[in-house]
Every structure is written in structure tokens, then in C-alpha cells.
Amino acid sequence: MSTQEKRREQIQTVTVGAVLTALVVILQILANVTGALLPTPITLVLIPIVIGAALYGVKMSTWLGFIFGVVVLLSGAANLFLSFSVIGTIVTVMVKCTACGLLSGIAYSAVKRFNEKLSIWAAAVVCPLVNTGIFILGCYVFFLEDLAKYNTQNSLGFENTTALIFIGFAGVNFLIELGTNIILNPAINLVIKNLKKK
């Protein structure tokens, strides 16, 4: 590869990376609208993270996951949990968001050796799975008592805190996020193919 080609590739990486970063910011801010309808906003940023993983690998997807976490904290999407524990919220949000980027990038790279189309599916499934899984873990580690009080004080009608976490906070969101990634997978695949040609 010539110096000119390397430079062109670097410019493309920075440009596409900047666009994906902007998409993460915009989509997460838009996702806060769903917070008015559901206990926790639906995460819409998982698609650019998957695209970043497929185009530029683990470093890009991890970066996009990290930005996702920063925007969640700054946009007010985690305000309920910040009222319970600031440290617990920061740790949970930053770990879950960064990890979903990191692990979707690893999943893509690992499966790509065998099948490229399947690798995009793998990244698309791993991303919401990790995001939701670490959120649930964070709820048990940092917020269990606060969520129990929140459930009782607000008469939410959940039988116990586990039901609140799995059904109230995580269940519907996870299914919508996973479903969105699966339904839009052909479109994600097309975007990745077109960008790889350039």
C-alpha cells in the first residue's frame, strides 16, 4: 500500500468515525424521548456501534460504546439511577456501554474468520445482550435496596424487585433493541458493504 493510499484510508477512517460518533450522540439524545413512555430509554445507538465494529474493528466499536456511555450520563437518561447512587450509576453506565462496543467488536472479528454475514449478526446480537446484561448486574450490585423502595413508594405493581428490573426496566427495552438490530441487519449489511467499497 502506497503512502497516498494509507493517507486516504486514514482520512476515511477519521471521517466515518466522526460520522458514527455524531450518530451515537444524536440517536442517544433522541432515545430520551422514549424515556417518557418507558422506565428506561430504548437504546438506538447500537446500530452505529455494530457498523463501527464491522468497518474498523474493536478500537472503533469500543470508542463508540464509550461515547454512548458519556452521552447517557450527560443527557439525563440515567437521572433516576443517579438519584440512588452517583458512583454506582457512573460505573454501571460506563462499563455496560463501553463493554457492548468492545464485545460486539470482538464478536464480529471472531465470527468473520468463518462467515462475514454471520459476523454482522453476531455483533448485532452481542451488543444489546451485553448492554442489558451489565445493566441488570449493576442493578443488583448497586441499586437493589433503592429499587425495592422505588417499587413500593410508587405503587408500580411489580411483585418484587427482580420483576421490576427484568420486566419494568430491562425486558421490553432489550426485546426492542434486539429486534431493531435483527430487523435492520440487512440494511446494516448494505451500509457496511458500500462503505468497504470506497
C-alpha atoms as a PDB file:
ATOM      1  CA  MET A   1       0.000   0.000   0.000  1.00  0.00           C
ATOM      2  CA  SER A   2       1.405   3.392  -1.039  1.00  0.00           C
ATOM      3  CA  THR A   3       1.738   6.386   1.286  1.00  0.00           C
ATOM      4  CA  GLN A   4      -1.087   8.129  -0.564  1.00  0.00           C
ATOM      5  CA  GLU A   5      -3.399   5.125  -0.161  1.00  0.00           C
ATOM      6  CA  LYS A   6      -2.550   4.883   3.534  1.00  0.00           C
ATOM      7  CA  ARG A   7      -3.313   8.555   3.997  1.00  0.00           C
ATOM      8  CA  ARG A   8      -6.611   8.186   2.113  1.00  0.00           C
ATOM      9  CA  GLU A   9      -7.531   5.238   4.327  1.00  0.00           C
ATOM     10  CA  GLN A  10      -6.696   7.199   7.480  1.00  0.00           C
ATOM     11  CA  ILE A  11      -8.807  10.155   6.327  1.00  0.00           C
ATOM     12  CA  GLN A  12     -11.722   7.817   5.578  1.00  0.00           C
ATOM     13  CA  THR A  13     -11.399   6.152   8.994  1.00  0.00           C
ATOM     14  CA  VAL A  14     -11.410   9.508  10.793  1.00  0.00           C
ATOM     15  CA  THR A  15     -14.317  10.830   8.685  1.00  0.00           C
ATOM     16  CA  VAL A  16     -16.533   7.755   9.047  1.00  0.00           C
ATOM     17  CA  GLY A  17     -15.569   7.501  12.725  1.00  0.00           C
ATOM     18  CA  ALA A  18     -16.639  11.128  13.261  1.00  0.00           C
ATOM     19  CA  VAL A  19     -19.964  10.497  11.495  1.00  0.00           C
ATOM     20  CA  LEU A  20     -20.618   7.368  13.587  1.00  0.00           C
ATOM     21  CA  THR A  21     -19.707   9.268  16.770  1.00  0.00           C
ATOM     22  CA  ALA A  22     -22.146  12.048  15.832  1.00  0.00           C
ATOM     23  CA  LEU A  23     -24.827   9.413  15.121  1.00  0.00           C
ATOM     24  CA  VAL A  24     -24.290   7.872  18.564  1.00  0.00           C
ATOM     25  CA  VAL A  25     -24.752  11.283  20.194  1.00  0.00           C
ATOM     26  CA  ILE A  26     -27.847  12.213  18.149  1.00  0.00           C
ATOM     27  CA  LEU A  27     -29.544   8.812  18.460  1.00  0.00           C
ATOM     28  CA  GLN A  28     -29.000   8.658  22.217  1.00  0.00           C
ATOM     29  CA  ILE A  29     -30.463  12.131  22.679  1.00  0.00           C
ATOM     30  CA  LEU A  30     -33.461  11.099  20.538  1.00  0.00           C
ATOM     31  CA  ALA A  31     -33.753   7.901  22.594  1.00  0.00           C
ATOM     32  CA  ASN A  32     -34.502  10.003  25.664  1.00  0.00           C
ATOM     33  CA  VAL A  33     -37.925  10.683  24.121  1.00  0.00           C
ATOM     34  CA  THR A  34     -38.774   7.014  24.767  1.00  0.00           C
ATOM     35  CA  GLY A  35     -37.982   7.646  28.423  1.00  0.00           C
ATOM     36  CA  ALA A  36     -41.345   9.400  28.693  1.00  0.00           C
ATOM     37  CA  LEU A  37     -43.078   6.148  27.730  1.00  0.00           C
ATOM     38  CA  LEU A  38     -40.837   3.531  29.378  1.00  0.00           C
ATOM     39  CA  PRO A  39     -38.908   3.414  32.694  1.00  0.00           C
ATOM     40  CA  THR A  40     -35.589   3.462  30.803  1.00  0.00           C
ATOM     41  CA  PRO A  41     -34.992   4.883  27.308  1.00  0.00           C
ATOM     42  CA  ILE A  42     -34.614   2.426  24.420  1.00  0.00           C
ATOM     43  CA  THR A  43     -31.045   2.408  23.170  1.00  0.00           C
ATOM     44  CA  LEU A  44     -30.912   3.336  19.489  1.00  0.00           C
ATOM     45  CA  VAL A  45     -27.128   3.725  19.248  1.00  0.00           C
ATOM     46  CA  LEU A  46     -26.339   0.023  18.990  1.00  0.00           C
ATOM     47  CA  ILE A  47     -26.573   0.110  15.175  1.00  0.00           C
ATOM     48  CA  PRO A  48     -23.707   2.612  14.632  1.00  0.00           C
ATOM     49  CA  ILE A  49     -21.671   0.614  17.162  1.00  0.00           C
ATOM     50  CA  VAL A  50     -22.199  -2.559  15.092  1.00  0.00           C
ATOM     51  CA  ILE A  51     -21.277  -0.671  11.896  1.00  0.00           C
ATOM     52  CA  GLY A  52     -18.149   0.669  13.588  1.00  0.00           C
ATOM     53  CA  ALA A  53     -17.198  -2.849  14.705  1.00  0.00           C
ATOM     54  CA  ALA A  54     -17.608  -4.210  11.172  1.00  0.00           C
ATOM     55  CA  LEU A  55     -15.768  -1.387   9.403  1.00  0.00           C
ATOM     56  CA  TYR A  56     -12.892  -0.607  11.730  1.00  0.00           C
ATOM     57  CA  GLY A  57     -12.778  -3.281  14.402  1.00  0.00           C
ATOM     58  CA  VAL A  58     -12.638  -3.375  18.159  1.00  0.00           C
ATOM     59  CA  LYS A  59     -10.994   0.019  18.762  1.00  0.00           C
ATOM     60  CA  MET A  60     -13.716   1.889  16.876  1.00  0.00           C
ATOM     61  CA  SER A  61     -16.613  -0.051  18.421  1.00  0.00           C
ATOM     62  CA  THR A  62     -15.126   0.415  21.916  1.00  0.00           C
ATOM     63  CA  TRP A  63     -14.738   4.159  21.292  1.00  0.00           C
ATOM     64  CA  LEU A  64     -18.362   4.409  20.128  1.00  0.00           C
ATOM     65  CA  GLY A  65     -19.505   2.446  23.189  1.00  0.00           C
ATOM     66  CA  PHE A  66     -17.548   4.817  25.437  1.00  0.00           C
ATOM     67  CA  ILE A  67     -19.165   7.860  23.776  1.00  0.00           C
ATOM     68  CA  PHE A  68     -22.552   6.185  24.194  1.00  0.00           C
ATOM     69  CA  GLY A  69     -21.902   5.972  27.954  1.00  0.00           C
ATOM     70  CA  VAL A  70     -20.816   9.605  28.225  1.00  0.00           C
ATOM     71  CA  VAL A  71     -23.958  10.782  26.397  1.00  0.00           C
ATOM     72  CA  VAL A  72     -26.220   8.608  28.587  1.00  0.00           C
ATOM     73  CA  LEU A  73     -24.773  10.270  31.692  1.00  0.00           C
ATOM     74  CA  LEU A  74     -24.852  13.825  30.309  1.00  0.00           C
ATOM     75  CA  SER A  75     -28.264  13.645  28.609  1.00  0.00           C
ATOM     76  CA  GLY A  76     -30.285  12.842  31.717  1.00  0.00           C
ATOM     77  CA  ALA A  77     -31.162   9.283  30.632  1.00  0.00           C
ATOM     78  CA  ALA A  78     -29.714   7.919  33.893  1.00  0.00           C
ATOM     79  CA  ASN A  79     -31.133  10.552  36.263  1.00  0.00           C
ATOM     80  CA  LEU A  80     -33.297   8.089  38.197  1.00  0.00           C
ATOM     81  CA  PHE A  81     -30.279   5.912  38.970  1.00  0.00           C
ATOM     82  CA  LEU A  82     -28.073   8.941  39.713  1.00  0.00           C
ATOM     83  CA  SER A  83     -30.569   9.815  42.461  1.00  0.00           C
ATOM     84  CA  PHE A  84     -29.851   6.390  44.003  1.00  0.00           C
ATOM     85  CA  SER A  85     -26.051   6.314  43.651  1.00  0.00           C
ATOM     86  CA  VAL A  86     -23.807   8.583  41.588  1.00  0.00           C
ATOM     87  CA  ILE A  87     -20.808   6.231  41.686  1.00  0.00           C
ATOM     88  CA  GLY A  88     -22.935   3.144  41.035  1.00  0.00           C
ATOM     89  CA  THR A  89     -24.588   4.835  38.056  1.00  0.00           C
ATOM     90  CA  ILE A  90     -21.330   6.059  36.516  1.00  0.00           C
ATOM     91  CA  VAL A  91     -19.714   2.622  36.905  1.00  0.00           C
ATOM     92  CA  THR A  92     -22.752   0.744  35.552  1.00  0.00           C
ATOM     93  CA  VAL A  93     -23.333   3.068  32.592  1.00  0.00           C
ATOM     94  CA  MET A  94     -19.702   3.376  31.514  1.00  0.00           C
ATOM     95  CA  VAL A  95     -18.967  -0.346  31.904  1.00  0.00           C
ATOM     96  CA  LYS A  96     -22.122  -1.516  30.088  1.00  0.00           C
ATOM     97  CA  CYS A  97     -21.785   0.951  27.226  1.00  0.00           C
ATOM     98  CA  THR A  98     -18.046   0.517  26.668  1.00  0.00           C
ATOM     99  CA  ALA A  99     -18.323  -3.276  27.043  1.00  0.00           C
ATOM    100  CA  CYS A 100     -21.132  -3.543  24.481  1.00  0.00           C
ATOM    101  CA  GLY A 101     -18.866  -1.780  21.990  1.00  0.00           C
ATOM    102  CA  LEU A 102     -15.809  -3.829  22.916  1.00  0.00           C
ATOM    103  CA  LEU A 103     -17.541  -7.222  22.884  1.00  0.00           C
ATOM    104  CA  SER A 104     -19.530  -6.585  19.707  1.00  0.00           C
ATOM    105  CA  GLY A 105     -16.204  -5.742  18.025  1.00  0.00           C
ATOM    106  CA  ILE A 106     -14.647  -8.939  19.363  1.00  0.00           C
ATOM    107  CA  ALA A 107     -17.688 -10.984  18.290  1.00  0.00           C
ATOM    108  CA  TYR A 108     -17.531  -9.538  14.778  1.00  0.00           C
ATOM    109  CA  SER A 109     -13.792 -10.229  14.431  1.00  0.00           C
ATOM    110  CA  ALA A 110     -14.076 -13.770  15.812  1.00  0.00           C
ATOM    111  CA  VAL A 111     -17.003 -14.857  13.611  1.00  0.00           C
ATOM    112  CA  LYS A 112     -15.695 -13.056  10.494  1.00  0.00           C
ATOM    113  CA  ARG A 113     -12.988 -15.724  10.148  1.00  0.00           C
ATOM    114  CA  PHE A 114     -15.723 -18.222   9.320  1.00  0.00           C
ATOM    115  CA  ASN A 115     -18.544 -16.180   7.804  1.00  0.00           C
ATOM    116  CA  GLU A 116     -18.757 -12.418   7.181  1.00  0.00           C
ATOM    117  CA  LYS A 117     -22.574 -12.194   7.012  1.00  0.00           C
ATOM    118  CA  LEU A 118     -22.890 -14.172  10.215  1.00  0.00           C
ATOM    119  CA  SER A 119     -20.324 -11.904  11.878  1.00  0.00           C
ATOM    120  CA  ILE A 120     -22.632  -8.900  11.454  1.00  0.00           C
ATOM    121  CA  TRP A 121     -25.469 -10.904  13.040  1.00  0.00           C
ATOM    122  CA  ALA A 122     -23.145 -11.868  15.903  1.00  0.00           C
ATOM    123  CA  ALA A 123     -22.184  -8.241  16.587  1.00  0.00           C
ATOM    124  CA  ALA A 124     -25.835  -7.138  16.314  1.00  0.00           C
ATOM    125  CA  VAL A 125     -26.936  -9.723  18.914  1.00  0.00           C
ATOM    126  CA  VAL A 126     -23.980  -9.333  21.298  1.00  0.00           C
ATOM    127  CA  CYS A 127     -24.334  -5.534  21.509  1.00  0.00           C
ATOM    128  CA  PRO A 128     -27.816  -5.356  23.156  1.00  0.00           C
ATOM    129  CA  LEU A 129     -27.182  -8.572  25.104  1.00  0.00           C
ATOM    130  CA  VAL A 130     -24.092  -7.121  26.817  1.00  0.00           C
ATOM    131  CA  ASN A 131     -25.698  -3.697  27.269  1.00  0.00           C
ATOM    132  CA  THR A 132     -28.743  -5.182  29.021  1.00  0.00           C
ATOM    133  CA  GLY A 133     -26.846  -7.907  30.891  1.00  0.00           C
ATOM    134  CA  ILE A 134     -24.432  -5.485  32.562  1.00  0.00           C
ATOM    135  CA  PHE A 135     -27.295  -3.091  33.334  1.00  0.00           C
ATOM    136  CA  ILE A 136     -29.105  -5.903  35.188  1.00  0.00           C
ATOM    137  CA  LEU A 137     -25.904  -6.841  37.031  1.00  0.00           C
ATOM    138  CA  GLY A 138     -25.406  -3.177  38.003  1.00  0.00           C
ATOM    139  CA  CYS A 139     -28.958  -3.056  39.368  1.00  0.00           C
ATOM    140  CA  TYR A 140     -28.203  -5.995  41.682  1.00  0.00           C
ATOM    141  CA  VAL A 141     -24.793  -4.697  42.770  1.00  0.00           C
ATOM    142  CA  PHE A 142     -25.624  -1.001  43.320  1.00  0.00           C
ATOM    143  CA  PHE A 143     -29.370  -0.312  43.358  1.00  0.00           C
ATOM    144  CA  LEU A 144     -31.271  -3.270  44.817  1.00  0.00           C
ATOM    145  CA  GLU A 145     -32.476  -1.591  48.034  1.00  0.00           C
ATOM    146  CA  ASP A 146     -33.259   1.701  46.277  1.00  0.00           C
ATOM    147  CA  LEU A 147     -35.238  -0.079  43.566  1.00  0.00           C
ATOM    148  CA  ALA A 148     -37.215  -2.011  46.184  1.00  0.00           C
ATOM    149  CA  LYS A 149     -38.186   1.292  47.859  1.00  0.00           C
ATOM    150  CA  TYR A 150     -38.915   2.872  44.465  1.00  0.00           C
ATOM    151  CA  ASN A 151     -41.236  -0.017  43.560  1.00  0.00           C
ATOM    152  CA  THR A 152     -43.132   0.241  46.873  1.00  0.00           C
ATOM    153  CA  GLN A 153     -43.308   4.046  47.131  1.00  0.00           C
ATOM    154  CA  ASN A 154     -44.561   4.492  43.565  1.00  0.00           C
ATOM    155  CA  SER A 155     -47.000   1.548  43.692  1.00  0.00           C
ATOM    156  CA  LEU A 156     -45.616   0.194  40.432  1.00  0.00           C
ATOM    157  CA  GLY A 157     -47.336  -3.144  40.933  1.00  0.00           C
ATOM    158  CA  PHE A 158     -44.321  -5.395  40.422  1.00  0.00           C
ATOM    159  CA  GLU A 159     -44.318  -8.412  42.710  1.00  0.00           C
ATOM    160  CA  ASN A 160     -40.679  -7.886  43.729  1.00  0.00           C
ATOM    161  CA  THR A 161     -37.514  -6.031  42.755  1.00  0.00           C
ATOM    162  CA  THR A 162     -36.410  -8.765  40.353  1.00  0.00           C
ATOM    163  CA  ALA A 163     -39.669  -8.368  38.412  1.00  0.00           C
ATOM    164  CA  LEU A 164     -39.139  -4.595  38.338  1.00  0.00           C
ATOM    165  CA  ILE A 165     -35.596  -4.997  36.980  1.00  0.00           C
ATOM    166  CA  PHE A 166     -36.332  -7.695  34.397  1.00  0.00           C
ATOM    167  CA  ILE A 167     -39.809  -6.633  33.267  1.00  0.00           C
ATOM    168  CA  GLY A 168     -40.010  -2.952  34.163  1.00  0.00           C
ATOM    169  CA  PHE A 169     -36.531  -1.787  33.217  1.00  0.00           C
ATOM    170  CA  ALA A 170     -34.776  -4.356  31.051  1.00  0.00           C
ATOM    171  CA  GLY A 171     -37.248  -6.726  29.401  1.00  0.00           C
ATOM    172  CA  VAL A 172     -39.170  -4.570  26.917  1.00  0.00           C
ATOM    173  CA  ASN A 173     -36.115  -2.454  26.134  1.00  0.00           C
ATOM    174  CA  PHE A 174     -33.960  -5.489  25.410  1.00  0.00           C
ATOM    175  CA  LEU A 175     -36.538  -7.064  23.102  1.00  0.00           C
ATOM    176  CA  ILE A 176     -36.993  -3.811  21.154  1.00  0.00           C
ATOM    177  CA  GLU A 177     -33.234  -3.211  20.897  1.00  0.00           C
ATOM    178  CA  LEU A 178     -32.538  -6.781  19.794  1.00  0.00           C
ATOM    179  CA  GLY A 179     -35.489  -6.769  17.384  1.00  0.00           C
ATOM    180  CA  THR A 180     -34.368  -3.462  15.847  1.00  0.00           C
ATOM    181  CA  ASN A 181     -30.849  -4.783  15.287  1.00  0.00           C
ATOM    182  CA  ILE A 182     -32.176  -8.009  13.732  1.00  0.00           C
ATOM    183  CA  ILE A 183     -34.777  -6.296  11.505  1.00  0.00           C
ATOM    184  CA  LEU A 184     -32.279  -3.684  10.310  1.00  0.00           C
ATOM    185  CA  ASN A 185     -29.491  -6.244   9.820  1.00  0.00           C
ATOM    186  CA  PRO A 186     -29.853  -6.341   6.007  1.00  0.00           C
ATOM    187  CA  ALA A 187     -29.638  -2.531   5.910  1.00  0.00           C
ATOM    188  CA  ILE A 188     -26.592  -2.592   8.223  1.00  0.00           C
ATOM    189  CA  ASN A 189     -25.010  -5.178   5.918  1.00  0.00           C
ATOM    190  CA  LEU A 190     -25.658  -2.967   2.869  1.00  0.00           C
ATOM    191  CA  VAL A 191     -24.171   0.117   4.559  1.00  0.00           C
ATOM    192  CA  ILE A 192     -21.063  -1.859   5.537  1.00  0.00           C
ATOM    193  CA  LYS A 193     -20.632  -3.267   2.003  1.00  0.00           C
ATOM    194  CA  ASN A 194     -20.939   0.170   0.396  1.00  0.00           C
ATOM    195  CA  LEU A 195     -18.511   1.798   2.815  1.00  0.00           C
ATOM    196  CA  LYS A 196     -15.985  -1.018   2.384  1.00  0.00           C
ATOM    197  CA  LYS A 197     -16.009  -0.462  -1.389  1.00  0.00           C
ATOM    198  CA  LYS A 198     -14.887   3.166  -1.020  1.00  0.00           C
END
